[in-house]
């Protein structure tokens, strides 16, 4: 999630906002639960940019699914983990989620060891499993196209 859309150096932010200027806000987020989860992408944009922005989003996600992350991205995310440990709010949120999901609060060393144990290929395989367009959903708010057009974009 961090490398996909978790910050200013993420793929979504760089390609959709910075390189193409299609929106002001774009990010991905995770909703964790004990037995299920959600990885979502949010963007706010004008109707004129919608089609190109959606196609760009799809391209970014497909690229990650097909080729996985680069080592540079993984190093950047790891550095972000270390920096987030300096924020009291981030630490408290992480500790709360860890207790709720795993029944224990993992130390920073345990978190980094778990992070370091994951390979680029494992992440590519996970992305391949997660990012299946026929299982995706899309919601649009505002002056939007008919639902069938979004369904076609999703491949339904």
N, C-alpha and C. Protein backbone atom coordinates (compact mmCIF):
# COMPACT_ATOMS: atom_id res chain seq x y z
N UNK A 1 0.82 -1.19 0.00
CA UNK A 1 0.00 0.00 0.00
C UNK A 1 0.87 1.26 0.00
N UNK A 2 1.92 1.24 0.78
CA UNK A 2 2.78 2.43 0.86
C UNK A 2 3.38 2.79 -0.49
N UNK A 3 3.87 1.80 -1.21
CA UNK A 3 4.50 2.12 -2.49
C UNK A 3 3.47 2.38 -3.58
N UNK A 4 2.29 1.81 -3.46
CA UNK A 4 1.24 2.05 -4.45
C UNK A 4 0.68 3.46 -4.33
N UNK A 5 0.23 3.84 -3.14
CA UNK A 5 -0.41 5.15 -3.00
C UNK A 5 -0.34 5.74 -1.62
N UNK A 6 0.70 5.38 -0.86
CA UNK A 6 0.77 5.80 0.52
C UNK A 6 1.50 7.09 0.80
N UNK A 7 1.86 7.84 -0.20
CA UNK A 7 2.56 9.09 0.07
C UNK A 7 3.00 9.78 -1.21
N UNK A 8 3.75 10.86 -1.02
CA UNK A 8 4.17 11.68 -2.17
C UNK A 8 5.14 10.97 -3.11
N UNK A 9 5.82 9.93 -2.64
CA UNK A 9 6.74 9.21 -3.51
C UNK A 9 6.10 7.96 -4.10
N UNK A 10 4.82 7.72 -3.81
CA UNK A 10 4.14 6.51 -4.29
C UNK A 10 3.91 6.56 -5.79
N UNK A 11 3.67 5.40 -6.36
CA UNK A 11 3.42 5.29 -7.80
C UNK A 11 2.21 6.11 -8.23
N UNK A 12 1.10 5.99 -7.49
CA UNK A 12 -0.11 6.73 -7.88
C UNK A 12 0.12 8.23 -7.83
N UNK A 13 0.69 8.72 -6.75
CA UNK A 13 0.92 10.15 -6.60
C UNK A 13 1.82 10.67 -7.72
N UNK A 14 2.90 9.94 -7.96
CA UNK A 14 3.86 10.40 -8.97
C UNK A 14 3.28 10.36 -10.38
N UNK A 15 2.60 9.28 -10.74
CA UNK A 15 2.15 9.15 -12.13
C UNK A 15 0.85 9.87 -12.41
N UNK A 16 -0.10 9.82 -11.49
CA UNK A 16 -1.41 10.41 -11.75
C UNK A 16 -1.40 11.91 -11.48
N UNK A 17 -0.78 12.33 -10.40
CA UNK A 17 -0.78 13.74 -10.04
C UNK A 17 0.42 14.49 -10.62
N UNK A 18 1.62 14.03 -10.30
CA UNK A 18 2.81 14.80 -10.67
C UNK A 18 3.13 14.75 -12.16
N UNK A 19 3.17 13.56 -12.74
CA UNK A 19 3.55 13.45 -14.15
C UNK A 19 2.45 13.87 -15.10
N UNK A 20 1.21 13.49 -14.80
CA UNK A 20 0.11 13.76 -15.74
C UNK A 20 -0.80 14.89 -15.31
N UNK A 21 -0.72 15.31 -14.06
CA UNK A 21 -1.53 16.43 -13.57
C UNK A 21 -3.03 16.19 -13.68
N UNK A 22 -3.48 14.96 -13.44
CA UNK A 22 -4.89 14.61 -13.64
C UNK A 22 -5.76 14.86 -12.42
N UNK A 23 -5.15 15.07 -11.27
CA UNK A 23 -5.93 15.30 -10.05
C UNK A 23 -5.04 15.99 -9.03
N UNK A 24 -5.68 16.46 -7.98
CA UNK A 24 -4.93 17.02 -6.86
C UNK A 24 -4.70 15.97 -5.78
N UNK A 25 -5.69 15.12 -5.57
CA UNK A 25 -5.62 14.12 -4.51
C UNK A 25 -5.73 12.72 -5.10
N UNK A 26 -4.79 11.86 -4.72
CA UNK A 26 -4.86 10.45 -5.07
C UNK A 26 -4.06 9.68 -4.03
N UNK A 27 -4.65 8.61 -3.52
CA UNK A 27 -3.94 7.77 -2.57
C UNK A 27 -4.61 6.41 -2.50
N UNK A 28 -3.90 5.46 -1.92
CA UNK A 28 -4.49 4.15 -1.64
C UNK A 28 -4.54 3.98 -0.13
N UNK A 29 -5.38 3.07 0.31
CA UNK A 29 -5.55 2.86 1.75
C UNK A 29 -5.94 1.40 2.00
N UNK A 30 -5.72 0.95 3.21
CA UNK A 30 -6.03 -0.41 3.61
C UNK A 30 -6.98 -0.37 4.79
N UNK A 31 -7.98 -1.21 4.76
CA UNK A 31 -8.86 -1.43 5.90
C UNK A 31 -8.64 -2.87 6.34
N UNK A 32 -7.99 -3.05 7.49
CA UNK A 32 -7.67 -4.38 8.01
C UNK A 32 -8.77 -4.86 8.94
N UNK A 33 -9.08 -6.12 8.83
CA UNK A 33 -9.99 -6.79 9.75
C UNK A 33 -9.41 -8.17 10.03
N UNK A 34 -9.92 -8.84 11.02
CA UNK A 34 -9.36 -10.13 11.40
C UNK A 34 -9.44 -11.17 10.29
N UNK A 35 -10.51 -11.17 9.52
CA UNK A 35 -10.69 -12.22 8.52
C UNK A 35 -10.84 -11.72 7.09
N UNK A 36 -10.78 -10.44 6.88
CA UNK A 36 -10.94 -9.87 5.55
C UNK A 36 -10.30 -8.49 5.52
N UNK A 37 -10.05 -7.99 4.35
CA UNK A 37 -9.46 -6.66 4.23
C UNK A 37 -9.86 -6.01 2.93
N UNK A 38 -9.47 -4.76 2.81
CA UNK A 38 -9.78 -3.98 1.62
C UNK A 38 -8.59 -3.12 1.30
N UNK A 39 -8.22 -3.09 0.04
CA UNK A 39 -7.24 -2.13 -0.44
C UNK A 39 -8.00 -1.25 -1.43
N UNK A 40 -8.10 0.03 -1.13
CA UNK A 40 -8.85 0.95 -1.97
C UNK A 40 -7.98 2.04 -2.52
N UNK A 41 -8.46 2.66 -3.58
CA UNK A 41 -7.80 3.81 -4.19
C UNK A 41 -8.82 4.94 -4.23
N UNK A 42 -8.41 6.12 -3.81
CA UNK A 42 -9.26 7.29 -3.82
C UNK A 42 -8.62 8.36 -4.68
N UNK A 43 -9.45 9.05 -5.44
CA UNK A 43 -8.99 10.23 -6.14
C UNK A 43 -10.15 11.19 -6.29
N UNK A 44 -9.84 12.45 -6.35
CA UNK A 44 -10.83 13.49 -6.60
C UNK A 44 -10.38 14.21 -7.87
N UNK A 45 -11.27 14.26 -8.85
CA UNK A 45 -10.87 14.85 -10.14
C UNK A 45 -12.09 15.37 -10.88
N UNK A 46 -11.82 16.11 -11.92
CA UNK A 46 -12.89 16.66 -12.75
C UNK A 46 -13.34 15.66 -13.79
N UNK A 47 -14.55 15.86 -14.27
CA UNK A 47 -15.13 14.96 -15.26
C UNK A 47 -14.27 14.87 -16.53
N UNK A 48 -13.62 15.98 -16.86
CA UNK A 48 -12.80 16.01 -18.08
C UNK A 48 -11.58 15.09 -17.97
N UNK A 49 -11.07 14.90 -16.76
CA UNK A 49 -9.88 14.07 -16.56
C UNK A 49 -10.22 12.62 -16.20
N UNK A 50 -11.49 12.34 -15.95
CA UNK A 50 -11.86 11.05 -15.39
C UNK A 50 -11.37 9.86 -16.21
N UNK A 51 -11.65 9.82 -17.48
CA UNK A 51 -11.30 8.66 -18.29
C UNK A 51 -9.79 8.42 -18.32
N UNK A 52 -9.02 9.47 -18.57
CA UNK A 52 -7.57 9.31 -18.61
C UNK A 52 -7.03 8.95 -17.22
N UNK A 53 -7.61 9.54 -16.17
CA UNK A 53 -7.17 9.22 -14.81
C UNK A 53 -7.45 7.76 -14.47
N UNK A 54 -8.64 7.27 -14.79
CA UNK A 54 -8.96 5.87 -14.52
C UNK A 54 -8.04 4.93 -15.29
N UNK A 55 -7.79 5.27 -16.55
CA UNK A 55 -6.88 4.43 -17.35
C UNK A 55 -5.46 4.45 -16.77
N UNK A 56 -5.04 5.59 -16.28
CA UNK A 56 -3.72 5.71 -15.66
C UNK A 56 -3.66 4.91 -14.37
N UNK A 57 -4.70 5.02 -13.54
CA UNK A 57 -4.78 4.22 -12.31
C UNK A 57 -4.66 2.74 -12.63
N UNK A 58 -5.42 2.32 -13.63
CA UNK A 58 -5.41 0.91 -14.02
C UNK A 58 -4.01 0.50 -14.48
N UNK A 59 -3.36 1.35 -15.23
CA UNK A 59 -2.01 1.06 -15.70
C UNK A 59 -1.01 0.94 -14.56
N UNK A 60 -1.10 1.82 -13.59
CA UNK A 60 -0.20 1.79 -12.43
C UNK A 60 -0.39 0.49 -11.65
N UNK A 61 -1.64 0.15 -11.39
CA UNK A 61 -1.95 -1.07 -10.64
C UNK A 61 -1.51 -2.31 -11.44
N UNK A 62 -1.79 -2.32 -12.72
CA UNK A 62 -1.42 -3.47 -13.56
C UNK A 62 0.09 -3.64 -13.63
N UNK A 63 0.82 -2.56 -13.69
CA UNK A 63 2.28 -2.61 -13.72
C UNK A 63 2.81 -3.24 -12.42
N UNK A 64 2.24 -2.84 -11.30
CA UNK A 64 2.65 -3.42 -10.02
C UNK A 64 2.29 -4.90 -9.97
N UNK A 65 1.10 -5.24 -10.44
CA UNK A 65 0.66 -6.63 -10.45
C UNK A 65 1.56 -7.50 -11.34
N UNK A 66 1.91 -6.99 -12.49
CA UNK A 66 2.66 -7.79 -13.46
C UNK A 66 4.16 -7.89 -13.16
N UNK A 67 4.73 -6.82 -12.59
CA UNK A 67 6.19 -6.78 -12.42
C UNK A 67 6.65 -6.65 -10.98
N UNK A 68 5.75 -6.36 -10.08
CA UNK A 68 6.12 -6.22 -8.67
C UNK A 68 6.88 -4.93 -8.41
N UNK A 69 7.25 -4.72 -7.16
CA UNK A 69 7.96 -3.50 -6.78
C UNK A 69 9.43 -3.57 -7.14
N UNK A 70 10.04 -2.42 -7.23
CA UNK A 70 11.49 -2.37 -7.42
C UNK A 70 12.16 -2.40 -6.05
N UNK A 71 13.43 -2.72 -6.03
CA UNK A 71 14.16 -2.72 -4.76
C UNK A 71 14.22 -1.30 -4.19
N UNK A 72 14.35 -0.32 -5.06
CA UNK A 72 14.37 1.09 -4.60
C UNK A 72 13.07 1.44 -3.87
N UNK A 73 11.94 1.00 -4.40
CA UNK A 73 10.66 1.25 -3.73
C UNK A 73 10.61 0.59 -2.37
N UNK A 74 11.06 -0.65 -2.30
CA UNK A 74 11.05 -1.36 -1.02
C UNK A 74 11.95 -0.68 0.00
N UNK A 75 13.10 -0.20 -0.43
CA UNK A 75 14.01 0.51 0.46
C UNK A 75 13.36 1.81 0.96
N UNK A 76 12.66 2.50 0.07
CA UNK A 76 11.99 3.76 0.43
C UNK A 76 10.87 3.51 1.45
N UNK A 77 10.11 2.43 1.24
CA UNK A 77 9.02 2.10 2.17
C UNK A 77 9.60 1.72 3.53
N UNK A 78 10.69 0.97 3.53
CA UNK A 78 11.33 0.59 4.81
C UNK A 78 11.79 1.84 5.55
N UNK A 79 12.37 2.76 4.84
CA UNK A 79 12.79 4.02 5.46
C UNK A 79 11.59 4.77 6.04
N UNK A 80 10.47 4.72 5.31
CA UNK A 80 9.24 5.35 5.80
C UNK A 80 8.73 4.70 7.07
N UNK A 81 8.88 3.38 7.18
CA UNK A 81 8.51 2.67 8.41
C UNK A 81 9.31 3.20 9.60
N UNK A 82 10.60 3.38 9.36
CA UNK A 82 11.46 3.89 10.42
C UNK A 82 11.09 5.32 10.80
N UNK A 83 10.79 6.13 9.81
CA UNK A 83 10.41 7.52 10.09
C UNK A 83 9.07 7.60 10.79
N UNK A 84 8.13 6.72 10.45
CA UNK A 84 6.81 6.76 11.08
C UNK A 84 6.90 6.41 12.57
N UNK A 85 7.95 5.70 12.96
CA UNK A 85 8.13 5.35 14.36
C UNK A 85 8.43 6.60 15.20
N UNK A 86 8.79 7.69 14.55
CA UNK A 86 9.07 8.93 15.26
C UNK A 86 7.79 9.71 15.58
N UNK A 87 6.69 9.35 14.96
CA UNK A 87 5.41 10.03 15.18
C UNK A 87 4.61 9.30 16.25
N UNK A 88 4.24 10.02 17.30
CA UNK A 88 3.46 9.41 18.38
C UNK A 88 2.13 8.89 17.85
N UNK A 89 1.45 9.67 17.02
CA UNK A 89 0.15 9.25 16.47
C UNK A 89 0.31 7.98 15.65
N UNK A 90 1.31 7.92 14.80
CA UNK A 90 1.55 6.74 13.97
C UNK A 90 1.86 5.52 14.83
N UNK A 91 2.70 5.69 15.85
CA UNK A 91 3.04 4.57 16.73
C UNK A 91 1.81 4.06 17.46
N UNK A 92 0.99 4.96 17.97
CA UNK A 92 -0.21 4.55 18.71
C UNK A 92 -1.19 3.83 17.79
N UNK A 93 -1.36 4.33 16.58
CA UNK A 93 -2.25 3.68 15.62
C UNK A 93 -1.74 2.29 15.28
N UNK A 94 -0.46 2.17 15.04
CA UNK A 94 0.15 0.88 14.72
C UNK A 94 0.02 -0.10 15.89
N UNK A 95 0.25 0.39 17.09
CA UNK A 95 0.15 -0.48 18.27
C UNK A 95 -1.29 -0.95 18.47
N UNK A 96 -2.25 -0.06 18.28
CA UNK A 96 -3.65 -0.44 18.42
C UNK A 96 -4.07 -1.47 17.40
N UNK A 97 -3.68 -1.26 16.14
CA UNK A 97 -4.02 -2.22 15.09
C UNK A 97 -3.35 -3.57 15.36
N UNK A 98 -2.11 -3.55 15.80
CA UNK A 98 -1.40 -4.79 16.10
C UNK A 98 -2.10 -5.56 17.21
N UNK A 99 -2.49 -4.87 18.25
CA UNK A 99 -3.18 -5.54 19.36
C UNK A 99 -4.52 -6.11 18.90
N UNK A 100 -5.28 -5.34 18.13
CA UNK A 100 -6.59 -5.80 17.68
C UNK A 100 -6.49 -6.96 16.69
N UNK A 101 -5.54 -6.90 15.78
CA UNK A 101 -5.45 -7.92 14.73
C UNK A 101 -4.64 -9.16 15.14
N UNK A 102 -3.62 -8.96 15.95
CA UNK A 102 -2.71 -10.07 16.27
C UNK A 102 -2.71 -10.45 17.75
N UNK A 103 -3.40 -9.68 18.57
CA UNK A 103 -3.45 -9.99 20.00
C UNK A 103 -2.17 -9.65 20.74
N UNK A 104 -1.30 -8.90 20.11
CA UNK A 104 -0.04 -8.49 20.73
C UNK A 104 0.48 -7.25 20.03
N UNK A 105 1.28 -6.51 20.74
CA UNK A 105 1.93 -5.35 20.14
C UNK A 105 3.34 -5.78 19.75
N UNK A 106 3.60 -5.73 18.46
CA UNK A 106 4.92 -6.13 17.97
C UNK A 106 5.90 -4.98 18.12
N UNK A 107 7.13 -5.31 18.45
CA UNK A 107 8.17 -4.29 18.59
C UNK A 107 8.60 -3.80 17.21
N UNK A 108 9.28 -2.68 17.19
CA UNK A 108 9.80 -2.13 15.93
C UNK A 108 10.74 -3.13 15.29
N UNK A 109 11.53 -3.82 16.08
CA UNK A 109 12.46 -4.82 15.55
C UNK A 109 11.71 -5.98 14.91
N UNK A 110 10.64 -6.44 15.54
CA UNK A 110 9.83 -7.53 14.98
C UNK A 110 9.18 -7.10 13.66
N UNK A 111 8.68 -5.87 13.61
CA UNK A 111 8.05 -5.36 12.40
C UNK A 111 9.06 -5.29 11.27
N UNK A 112 10.25 -4.76 11.54
CA UNK A 112 11.29 -4.66 10.51
C UNK A 112 11.78 -6.04 10.07
N UNK A 113 11.90 -6.97 11.01
CA UNK A 113 12.32 -8.34 10.65
C UNK A 113 11.28 -8.99 9.73
N UNK A 114 10.00 -8.79 10.05
CA UNK A 114 8.94 -9.34 9.20
C UNK A 114 8.97 -8.68 7.83
N UNK A 115 9.18 -7.37 7.80
CA UNK A 115 9.27 -6.64 6.53
C UNK A 115 10.44 -7.17 5.70
N UNK A 116 11.59 -7.32 6.33
CA UNK A 116 12.79 -7.77 5.61
C UNK A 116 12.68 -9.21 5.12
N UNK A 117 11.81 -10.01 5.73
CA UNK A 117 11.66 -11.41 5.35
C UNK A 117 10.85 -11.59 4.05
N UNK A 118 10.16 -10.56 3.63
CA UNK A 118 9.32 -10.64 2.43
C UNK A 118 10.17 -10.28 1.20
N UNK A 119 10.03 -11.08 0.15
CA UNK A 119 10.80 -10.85 -1.08
C UNK A 119 9.98 -10.07 -2.11
N UNK A 120 10.68 -9.52 -3.07
CA UNK A 120 10.01 -8.81 -4.17
C UNK A 120 9.08 -9.76 -4.91
N UNK A 121 9.50 -11.00 -5.12
CA UNK A 121 8.66 -11.96 -5.83
C UNK A 121 7.40 -12.29 -5.03
N UNK A 122 7.51 -12.41 -3.73
CA UNK A 122 6.32 -12.64 -2.91
C UNK A 122 5.33 -11.48 -3.03
N UNK A 123 5.85 -10.27 -3.07
CA UNK A 123 4.99 -9.10 -3.22
C UNK A 123 4.34 -9.06 -4.60
N UNK A 124 5.09 -9.46 -5.63
CA UNK A 124 4.52 -9.52 -6.97
C UNK A 124 3.39 -10.55 -7.00
N UNK A 125 3.60 -11.70 -6.38
CA UNK A 125 2.57 -12.73 -6.34
C UNK A 125 1.34 -12.26 -5.57
N UNK A 126 1.56 -11.55 -4.48
CA UNK A 126 0.44 -11.00 -3.71
C UNK A 126 -0.33 -9.98 -4.55
N UNK A 127 0.38 -9.11 -5.25
CA UNK A 127 -0.27 -8.13 -6.11
C UNK A 127 -1.08 -8.82 -7.21
N UNK A 128 -0.54 -9.89 -7.75
CA UNK A 128 -1.25 -10.65 -8.78
C UNK A 128 -2.54 -11.23 -8.22
N UNK A 129 -2.49 -11.68 -6.98
CA UNK A 129 -3.68 -12.24 -6.34
C UNK A 129 -4.71 -11.16 -5.99
N UNK A 130 -4.24 -10.02 -5.52
CA UNK A 130 -5.14 -8.95 -5.07
C UNK A 130 -5.77 -8.19 -6.24
N UNK A 131 -4.96 -7.82 -7.21
CA UNK A 131 -5.42 -6.92 -8.26
C UNK A 131 -6.00 -7.68 -9.44
N UNK A 132 -7.23 -8.13 -9.28
CA UNK A 132 -7.96 -8.80 -10.33
C UNK A 132 -9.16 -7.92 -10.68
N UNK A 133 -9.16 -7.38 -11.88
CA UNK A 133 -10.17 -6.39 -12.25
C UNK A 133 -11.59 -6.95 -12.21
N UNK A 134 -11.75 -8.25 -12.45
CA UNK A 134 -13.09 -8.82 -12.42
C UNK A 134 -13.65 -8.92 -10.99
N UNK A 135 -12.79 -8.72 -9.98
CA UNK A 135 -13.23 -8.73 -8.59
C UNK A 135 -13.26 -7.33 -7.99
N UNK A 136 -12.90 -6.34 -8.77
CA UNK A 136 -12.82 -4.95 -8.26
C UNK A 136 -14.20 -4.30 -8.29
N UNK A 137 -14.34 -3.26 -7.52
CA UNK A 137 -15.55 -2.45 -7.57
C UNK A 137 -15.13 -0.98 -7.68
N UNK A 138 -16.04 -0.17 -8.13
CA UNK A 138 -15.75 1.24 -8.33
C UNK A 138 -16.97 2.04 -7.90
N UNK A 139 -16.75 3.10 -7.14
CA UNK A 139 -17.83 4.02 -6.82
C UNK A 139 -17.43 5.40 -7.29
N UNK A 140 -18.40 6.11 -7.81
CA UNK A 140 -18.18 7.47 -8.29
C UNK A 140 -19.28 8.35 -7.73
N UNK A 141 -18.90 9.55 -7.32
CA UNK A 141 -19.84 10.50 -6.74
C UNK A 141 -19.74 11.80 -7.51
N UNK A 142 -20.88 12.43 -7.73
CA UNK A 142 -20.90 13.71 -8.44
C UNK A 142 -21.53 13.55 -9.81
N UNK A 143 -21.07 14.36 -10.75
CA UNK A 143 -21.58 14.27 -12.13
C UNK A 143 -20.83 13.13 -12.82
N UNK A 144 -21.42 11.95 -12.76
CA UNK A 144 -20.74 10.74 -13.21
C UNK A 144 -21.45 10.13 -14.42
N UNK A 145 -20.75 9.21 -15.04
CA UNK A 145 -21.29 8.48 -16.19
C UNK A 145 -22.25 7.40 -15.72
N UNK A 146 -22.99 6.80 -16.63
CA UNK A 146 -23.87 5.68 -16.26
C UNK A 146 -23.04 4.51 -15.71
N UNK A 147 -23.62 3.77 -14.78
CA UNK A 147 -22.93 2.66 -14.13
C UNK A 147 -22.39 1.64 -15.14
N UNK A 148 -23.10 1.41 -16.21
CA UNK A 148 -22.67 0.42 -17.21
C UNK A 148 -21.31 0.80 -17.81
N UNK A 149 -21.03 2.08 -17.95
CA UNK A 149 -19.74 2.51 -18.50
C UNK A 149 -18.60 2.17 -17.55
N UNK A 150 -18.82 2.32 -16.27
CA UNK A 150 -17.80 1.94 -15.29
C UNK A 150 -17.64 0.42 -15.27
N UNK A 151 -18.72 -0.29 -15.43
CA UNK A 151 -18.68 -1.75 -15.51
C UNK A 151 -17.84 -2.19 -16.70
N UNK A 152 -18.00 -1.53 -17.83
CA UNK A 152 -17.18 -1.86 -19.01
C UNK A 152 -15.70 -1.58 -18.72
N UNK A 153 -15.43 -0.48 -18.03
CA UNK A 153 -14.04 -0.15 -17.70
C UNK A 153 -13.43 -1.23 -16.81
N UNK A 154 -14.23 -1.79 -15.91
CA UNK A 154 -13.75 -2.87 -15.04
C UNK A 154 -13.66 -4.20 -15.78
N UNK A 155 -14.20 -4.27 -16.99
CA UNK A 155 -14.14 -5.50 -17.76
C UNK A 155 -15.32 -6.42 -17.54
N UNK A 156 -16.44 -5.84 -17.11
CA UNK A 156 -17.63 -6.66 -16.85
C UNK A 156 -18.59 -6.52 -17.99
